[in-house]
Amino acid sequence: MPPDRVHARRRAIGDRMRAARLHANLTQEAVALRAGIRIATYSEIEQGHRAALIDTLIVIADAIGVALADLVRE
């Protein structure tokens, strides 16, 4: 289990992913399919339960149609 501060940042990224996805009127399934990742993987990342590689965050940002910086900003 990661330290609390790391887990909190993962959750913050997931919250921004969710907000961007909903703003784009996309489902988790649609984003996962566009990104070429499993739906379960996408869901776990969005919930902050899974660490994501930068490459995965890049394809997720592209699938949603936002800049990577929008997802990882502090």
N, C-alpha and C. Protein backbone atom coordinates (compact mmCIF):
# COMPACT_ATOMS: atom_id res chain seq x y z
N MET A 1 0.85 -1.19 0.00
CA MET A 1 0.00 0.00 0.00
C MET A 1 0.89 1.24 0.00
N PRO A 2 0.59 2.19 -0.88
CA PRO A 2 1.41 3.41 -0.93
C PRO A 2 1.15 4.30 0.28
N PRO A 3 2.08 5.21 0.55
CA PRO A 3 1.83 6.18 1.64
C PRO A 3 0.55 6.96 1.37
N ASP A 4 -0.05 7.48 2.44
CA ASP A 4 -1.31 8.22 2.32
C ASP A 4 -1.21 9.38 1.34
N ARG A 5 -0.09 10.10 1.33
CA ARG A 5 0.05 11.26 0.43
C ARG A 5 0.04 10.82 -1.03
N VAL A 6 0.60 9.65 -1.32
CA VAL A 6 0.59 9.13 -2.70
C VAL A 6 -0.82 8.70 -3.06
N HIS A 7 -1.48 8.00 -2.17
CA HIS A 7 -2.84 7.56 -2.43
C HIS A 7 -3.77 8.75 -2.64
N ALA A 8 -3.58 9.81 -1.87
CA ALA A 8 -4.41 11.01 -2.02
C ALA A 8 -4.20 11.64 -3.39
N ARG A 9 -2.99 11.65 -3.87
CA ARG A 9 -2.73 12.22 -5.21
C ARG A 9 -3.32 11.34 -6.30
N ARG A 10 -3.23 10.02 -6.13
CA ARG A 10 -3.87 9.11 -7.10
C ARG A 10 -5.37 9.40 -7.17
N ARG A 11 -5.99 9.57 -6.00
CA ARG A 11 -7.44 9.86 -5.98
C ARG A 11 -7.74 11.18 -6.64
N ALA A 12 -6.88 12.18 -6.45
CA ALA A 12 -7.09 13.49 -7.07
C ALA A 12 -7.01 13.38 -8.58
N ILE A 13 -6.05 12.61 -9.08
CA ILE A 13 -5.96 12.39 -10.53
C ILE A 13 -7.21 11.68 -11.02
N GLY A 14 -7.65 10.67 -10.29
CA GLY A 14 -8.88 9.96 -10.66
C GLY A 14 -10.09 10.87 -10.67
N ASP A 15 -10.17 11.77 -9.71
CA ASP A 15 -11.28 12.72 -9.67
C ASP A 15 -11.27 13.63 -10.90
N ARG A 16 -10.07 14.08 -11.30
CA ARG A 16 -9.98 14.92 -12.50
C ARG A 16 -10.30 14.12 -13.76
N MET A 17 -9.89 12.85 -13.79
CA MET A 17 -10.25 11.98 -14.92
C MET A 17 -11.76 11.86 -15.02
N ARG A 18 -12.41 11.59 -13.90
CA ARG A 18 -13.87 11.43 -13.88
C ARG A 18 -14.57 12.71 -14.34
N ALA A 19 -14.12 13.85 -13.81
CA ALA A 19 -14.74 15.13 -14.18
C ALA A 19 -14.57 15.39 -15.68
N ALA A 20 -13.39 15.14 -16.21
CA ALA A 20 -13.14 15.37 -17.64
C ALA A 20 -13.97 14.40 -18.48
N ARG A 21 -14.04 13.15 -18.04
CA ARG A 21 -14.81 12.14 -18.77
C ARG A 21 -16.29 12.52 -18.81
N LEU A 22 -16.83 12.92 -17.67
CA LEU A 22 -18.24 13.30 -17.62
C LEU A 22 -18.50 14.57 -18.44
N HIS A 23 -17.57 15.51 -18.38
CA HIS A 23 -17.70 16.73 -19.17
C HIS A 23 -17.73 16.41 -20.67
N ALA A 24 -16.96 15.39 -21.06
CA ALA A 24 -16.93 14.97 -22.46
C ALA A 24 -18.08 14.02 -22.79
N ASN A 25 -18.95 13.76 -21.79
CA ASN A 25 -20.11 12.89 -21.97
C ASN A 25 -19.69 11.49 -22.43
N LEU A 26 -18.66 10.94 -21.77
CA LEU A 26 -18.15 9.61 -22.09
C LEU A 26 -18.35 8.68 -20.91
N THR A 27 -18.55 7.40 -21.21
CA THR A 27 -18.59 6.38 -20.16
C THR A 27 -17.18 5.87 -19.92
N GLN A 28 -17.01 5.18 -18.80
CA GLN A 28 -15.72 4.54 -18.54
C GLN A 28 -15.39 3.56 -19.66
N GLU A 29 -16.38 2.83 -20.10
CA GLU A 29 -16.17 1.85 -21.18
C GLU A 29 -15.68 2.53 -22.45
N ALA A 30 -16.29 3.65 -22.82
CA ALA A 30 -15.88 4.36 -24.03
C ALA A 30 -14.44 4.84 -23.94
N VAL A 31 -14.06 5.38 -22.79
CA VAL A 31 -12.68 5.86 -22.62
C VAL A 31 -11.71 4.69 -22.68
N ALA A 32 -12.05 3.60 -22.00
CA ALA A 32 -11.17 2.43 -21.99
C ALA A 32 -10.99 1.89 -23.40
N LEU A 33 -12.07 1.80 -24.16
CA LEU A 33 -11.97 1.31 -25.53
C LEU A 33 -11.11 2.23 -26.39
N ARG A 34 -11.32 3.53 -26.28
CA ARG A 34 -10.52 4.49 -27.04
C ARG A 34 -9.04 4.44 -26.65
N ALA A 35 -8.79 4.19 -25.36
CA ALA A 35 -7.41 4.17 -24.86
C ALA A 35 -6.73 2.81 -25.08
N GLY A 36 -7.52 1.80 -25.39
CA GLY A 36 -6.96 0.47 -25.61
C GLY A 36 -6.55 -0.23 -24.32
N ILE A 37 -7.31 0.05 -23.24
CA ILE A 37 -7.04 -0.61 -21.96
C ILE A 37 -8.30 -1.30 -21.48
N ARG A 38 -8.12 -2.21 -20.53
CA ARG A 38 -9.29 -2.91 -19.98
C ARG A 38 -10.16 -1.93 -19.18
N ILE A 39 -11.45 -2.16 -19.22
CA ILE A 39 -12.39 -1.31 -18.48
C ILE A 39 -12.08 -1.36 -16.99
N ALA A 40 -11.78 -2.55 -16.48
CA ALA A 40 -11.46 -2.69 -15.05
C ALA A 40 -10.23 -1.87 -14.69
N THR A 41 -9.25 -1.86 -15.57
CA THR A 41 -8.03 -1.07 -15.32
C THR A 41 -8.37 0.41 -15.26
N TYR A 42 -9.15 0.86 -16.24
CA TYR A 42 -9.54 2.28 -16.24
C TYR A 42 -10.28 2.62 -14.95
N SER A 43 -11.23 1.80 -14.58
CA SER A 43 -12.03 2.05 -13.38
C SER A 43 -11.14 2.12 -12.13
N GLU A 44 -10.20 1.20 -12.01
CA GLU A 44 -9.31 1.19 -10.85
C GLU A 44 -8.43 2.45 -10.80
N ILE A 45 -7.98 2.91 -11.96
CA ILE A 45 -7.18 4.13 -12.00
C ILE A 45 -8.05 5.33 -11.61
N GLU A 46 -9.25 5.41 -12.16
CA GLU A 46 -10.14 6.53 -11.87
C GLU A 46 -10.51 6.56 -10.38
N GLN A 47 -10.61 5.41 -9.75
CA GLN A 47 -10.95 5.35 -8.33
C GLN A 47 -9.73 5.54 -7.43
N GLY A 48 -8.54 5.59 -8.02
CA GLY A 48 -7.32 5.76 -7.23
C GLY A 48 -6.81 4.49 -6.61
N HIS A 49 -7.33 3.34 -7.06
CA HIS A 49 -6.92 2.06 -6.51
C HIS A 49 -5.73 1.45 -7.23
N ARG A 50 -5.35 2.01 -8.37
CA ARG A 50 -4.25 1.46 -9.16
C ARG A 50 -3.36 2.60 -9.62
N ALA A 51 -2.07 2.36 -9.54
CA ALA A 51 -1.10 3.32 -10.08
C ALA A 51 -1.08 3.18 -11.59
N ALA A 52 -0.96 4.30 -12.28
CA ALA A 52 -0.94 4.29 -13.74
C ALA A 52 0.43 4.71 -14.24
N LEU A 53 0.91 4.01 -15.25
CA LEU A 53 2.12 4.45 -15.93
C LEU A 53 1.82 5.74 -16.68
N ILE A 54 2.85 6.54 -16.89
CA ILE A 54 2.65 7.79 -17.62
C ILE A 54 2.10 7.51 -19.01
N ASP A 55 2.53 6.43 -19.65
CA ASP A 55 2.01 6.08 -20.97
C ASP A 55 0.50 5.85 -20.93
N THR A 56 0.04 5.21 -19.88
CA THR A 56 -1.40 4.95 -19.73
C THR A 56 -2.15 6.26 -19.53
N LEU A 57 -1.60 7.15 -18.72
CA LEU A 57 -2.26 8.45 -18.51
C LEU A 57 -2.31 9.25 -19.81
N ILE A 58 -1.27 9.12 -20.63
CA ILE A 58 -1.25 9.83 -21.92
C ILE A 58 -2.39 9.33 -22.81
N VAL A 59 -2.54 8.00 -22.94
CA VAL A 59 -3.60 7.48 -23.81
C VAL A 59 -4.98 7.77 -23.24
N ILE A 60 -5.11 7.81 -21.91
CA ILE A 60 -6.39 8.17 -21.30
C ILE A 60 -6.72 9.62 -21.59
N ALA A 61 -5.75 10.51 -21.42
CA ALA A 61 -5.98 11.93 -21.72
C ALA A 61 -6.38 12.11 -23.17
N ASP A 62 -5.68 11.43 -24.07
CA ASP A 62 -6.03 11.51 -25.50
C ASP A 62 -7.44 10.98 -25.76
N ALA A 63 -7.80 9.88 -25.09
CA ALA A 63 -9.12 9.28 -25.29
C ALA A 63 -10.24 10.21 -24.81
N ILE A 64 -9.97 10.94 -23.75
CA ILE A 64 -10.98 11.88 -23.23
C ILE A 64 -10.98 13.18 -24.02
N GLY A 65 -9.82 13.52 -24.59
CA GLY A 65 -9.71 14.77 -25.36
C GLY A 65 -9.24 15.93 -24.53
N VAL A 66 -8.40 15.65 -23.53
CA VAL A 66 -7.85 16.71 -22.68
C VAL A 66 -6.33 16.60 -22.67
N ALA A 67 -5.69 17.65 -22.24
CA ALA A 67 -4.24 17.63 -22.10
C ALA A 67 -3.86 16.79 -20.88
N LEU A 68 -2.75 16.09 -20.97
CA LEU A 68 -2.27 15.32 -19.84
C LEU A 68 -2.13 16.20 -18.60
N ALA A 69 -1.66 17.41 -18.79
CA ALA A 69 -1.49 18.33 -17.66
C ALA A 69 -2.80 18.57 -16.92
N ASP A 70 -3.93 18.52 -17.61
CA ASP A 70 -5.23 18.71 -16.96
C ASP A 70 -5.53 17.60 -15.96
N LEU A 71 -4.99 16.41 -16.20
CA LEU A 71 -5.24 15.29 -15.31
C LEU A 71 -4.28 15.25 -14.12
N VAL A 72 -3.06 15.72 -14.33
CA VAL A 72 -2.04 15.56 -13.28
C VAL A 72 -1.67 16.85 -12.57
N ARG A 73 -2.32 17.94 -12.91
CA ARG A 73 -1.99 19.21 -12.26
C ARG A 73 -2.27 19.14 -10.77
N GLU A 74 -1.60 20.00 -10.03
CA GLU A 74 -1.82 20.01 -8.58
C GLU A 74 -2.51 21.29 -8.19
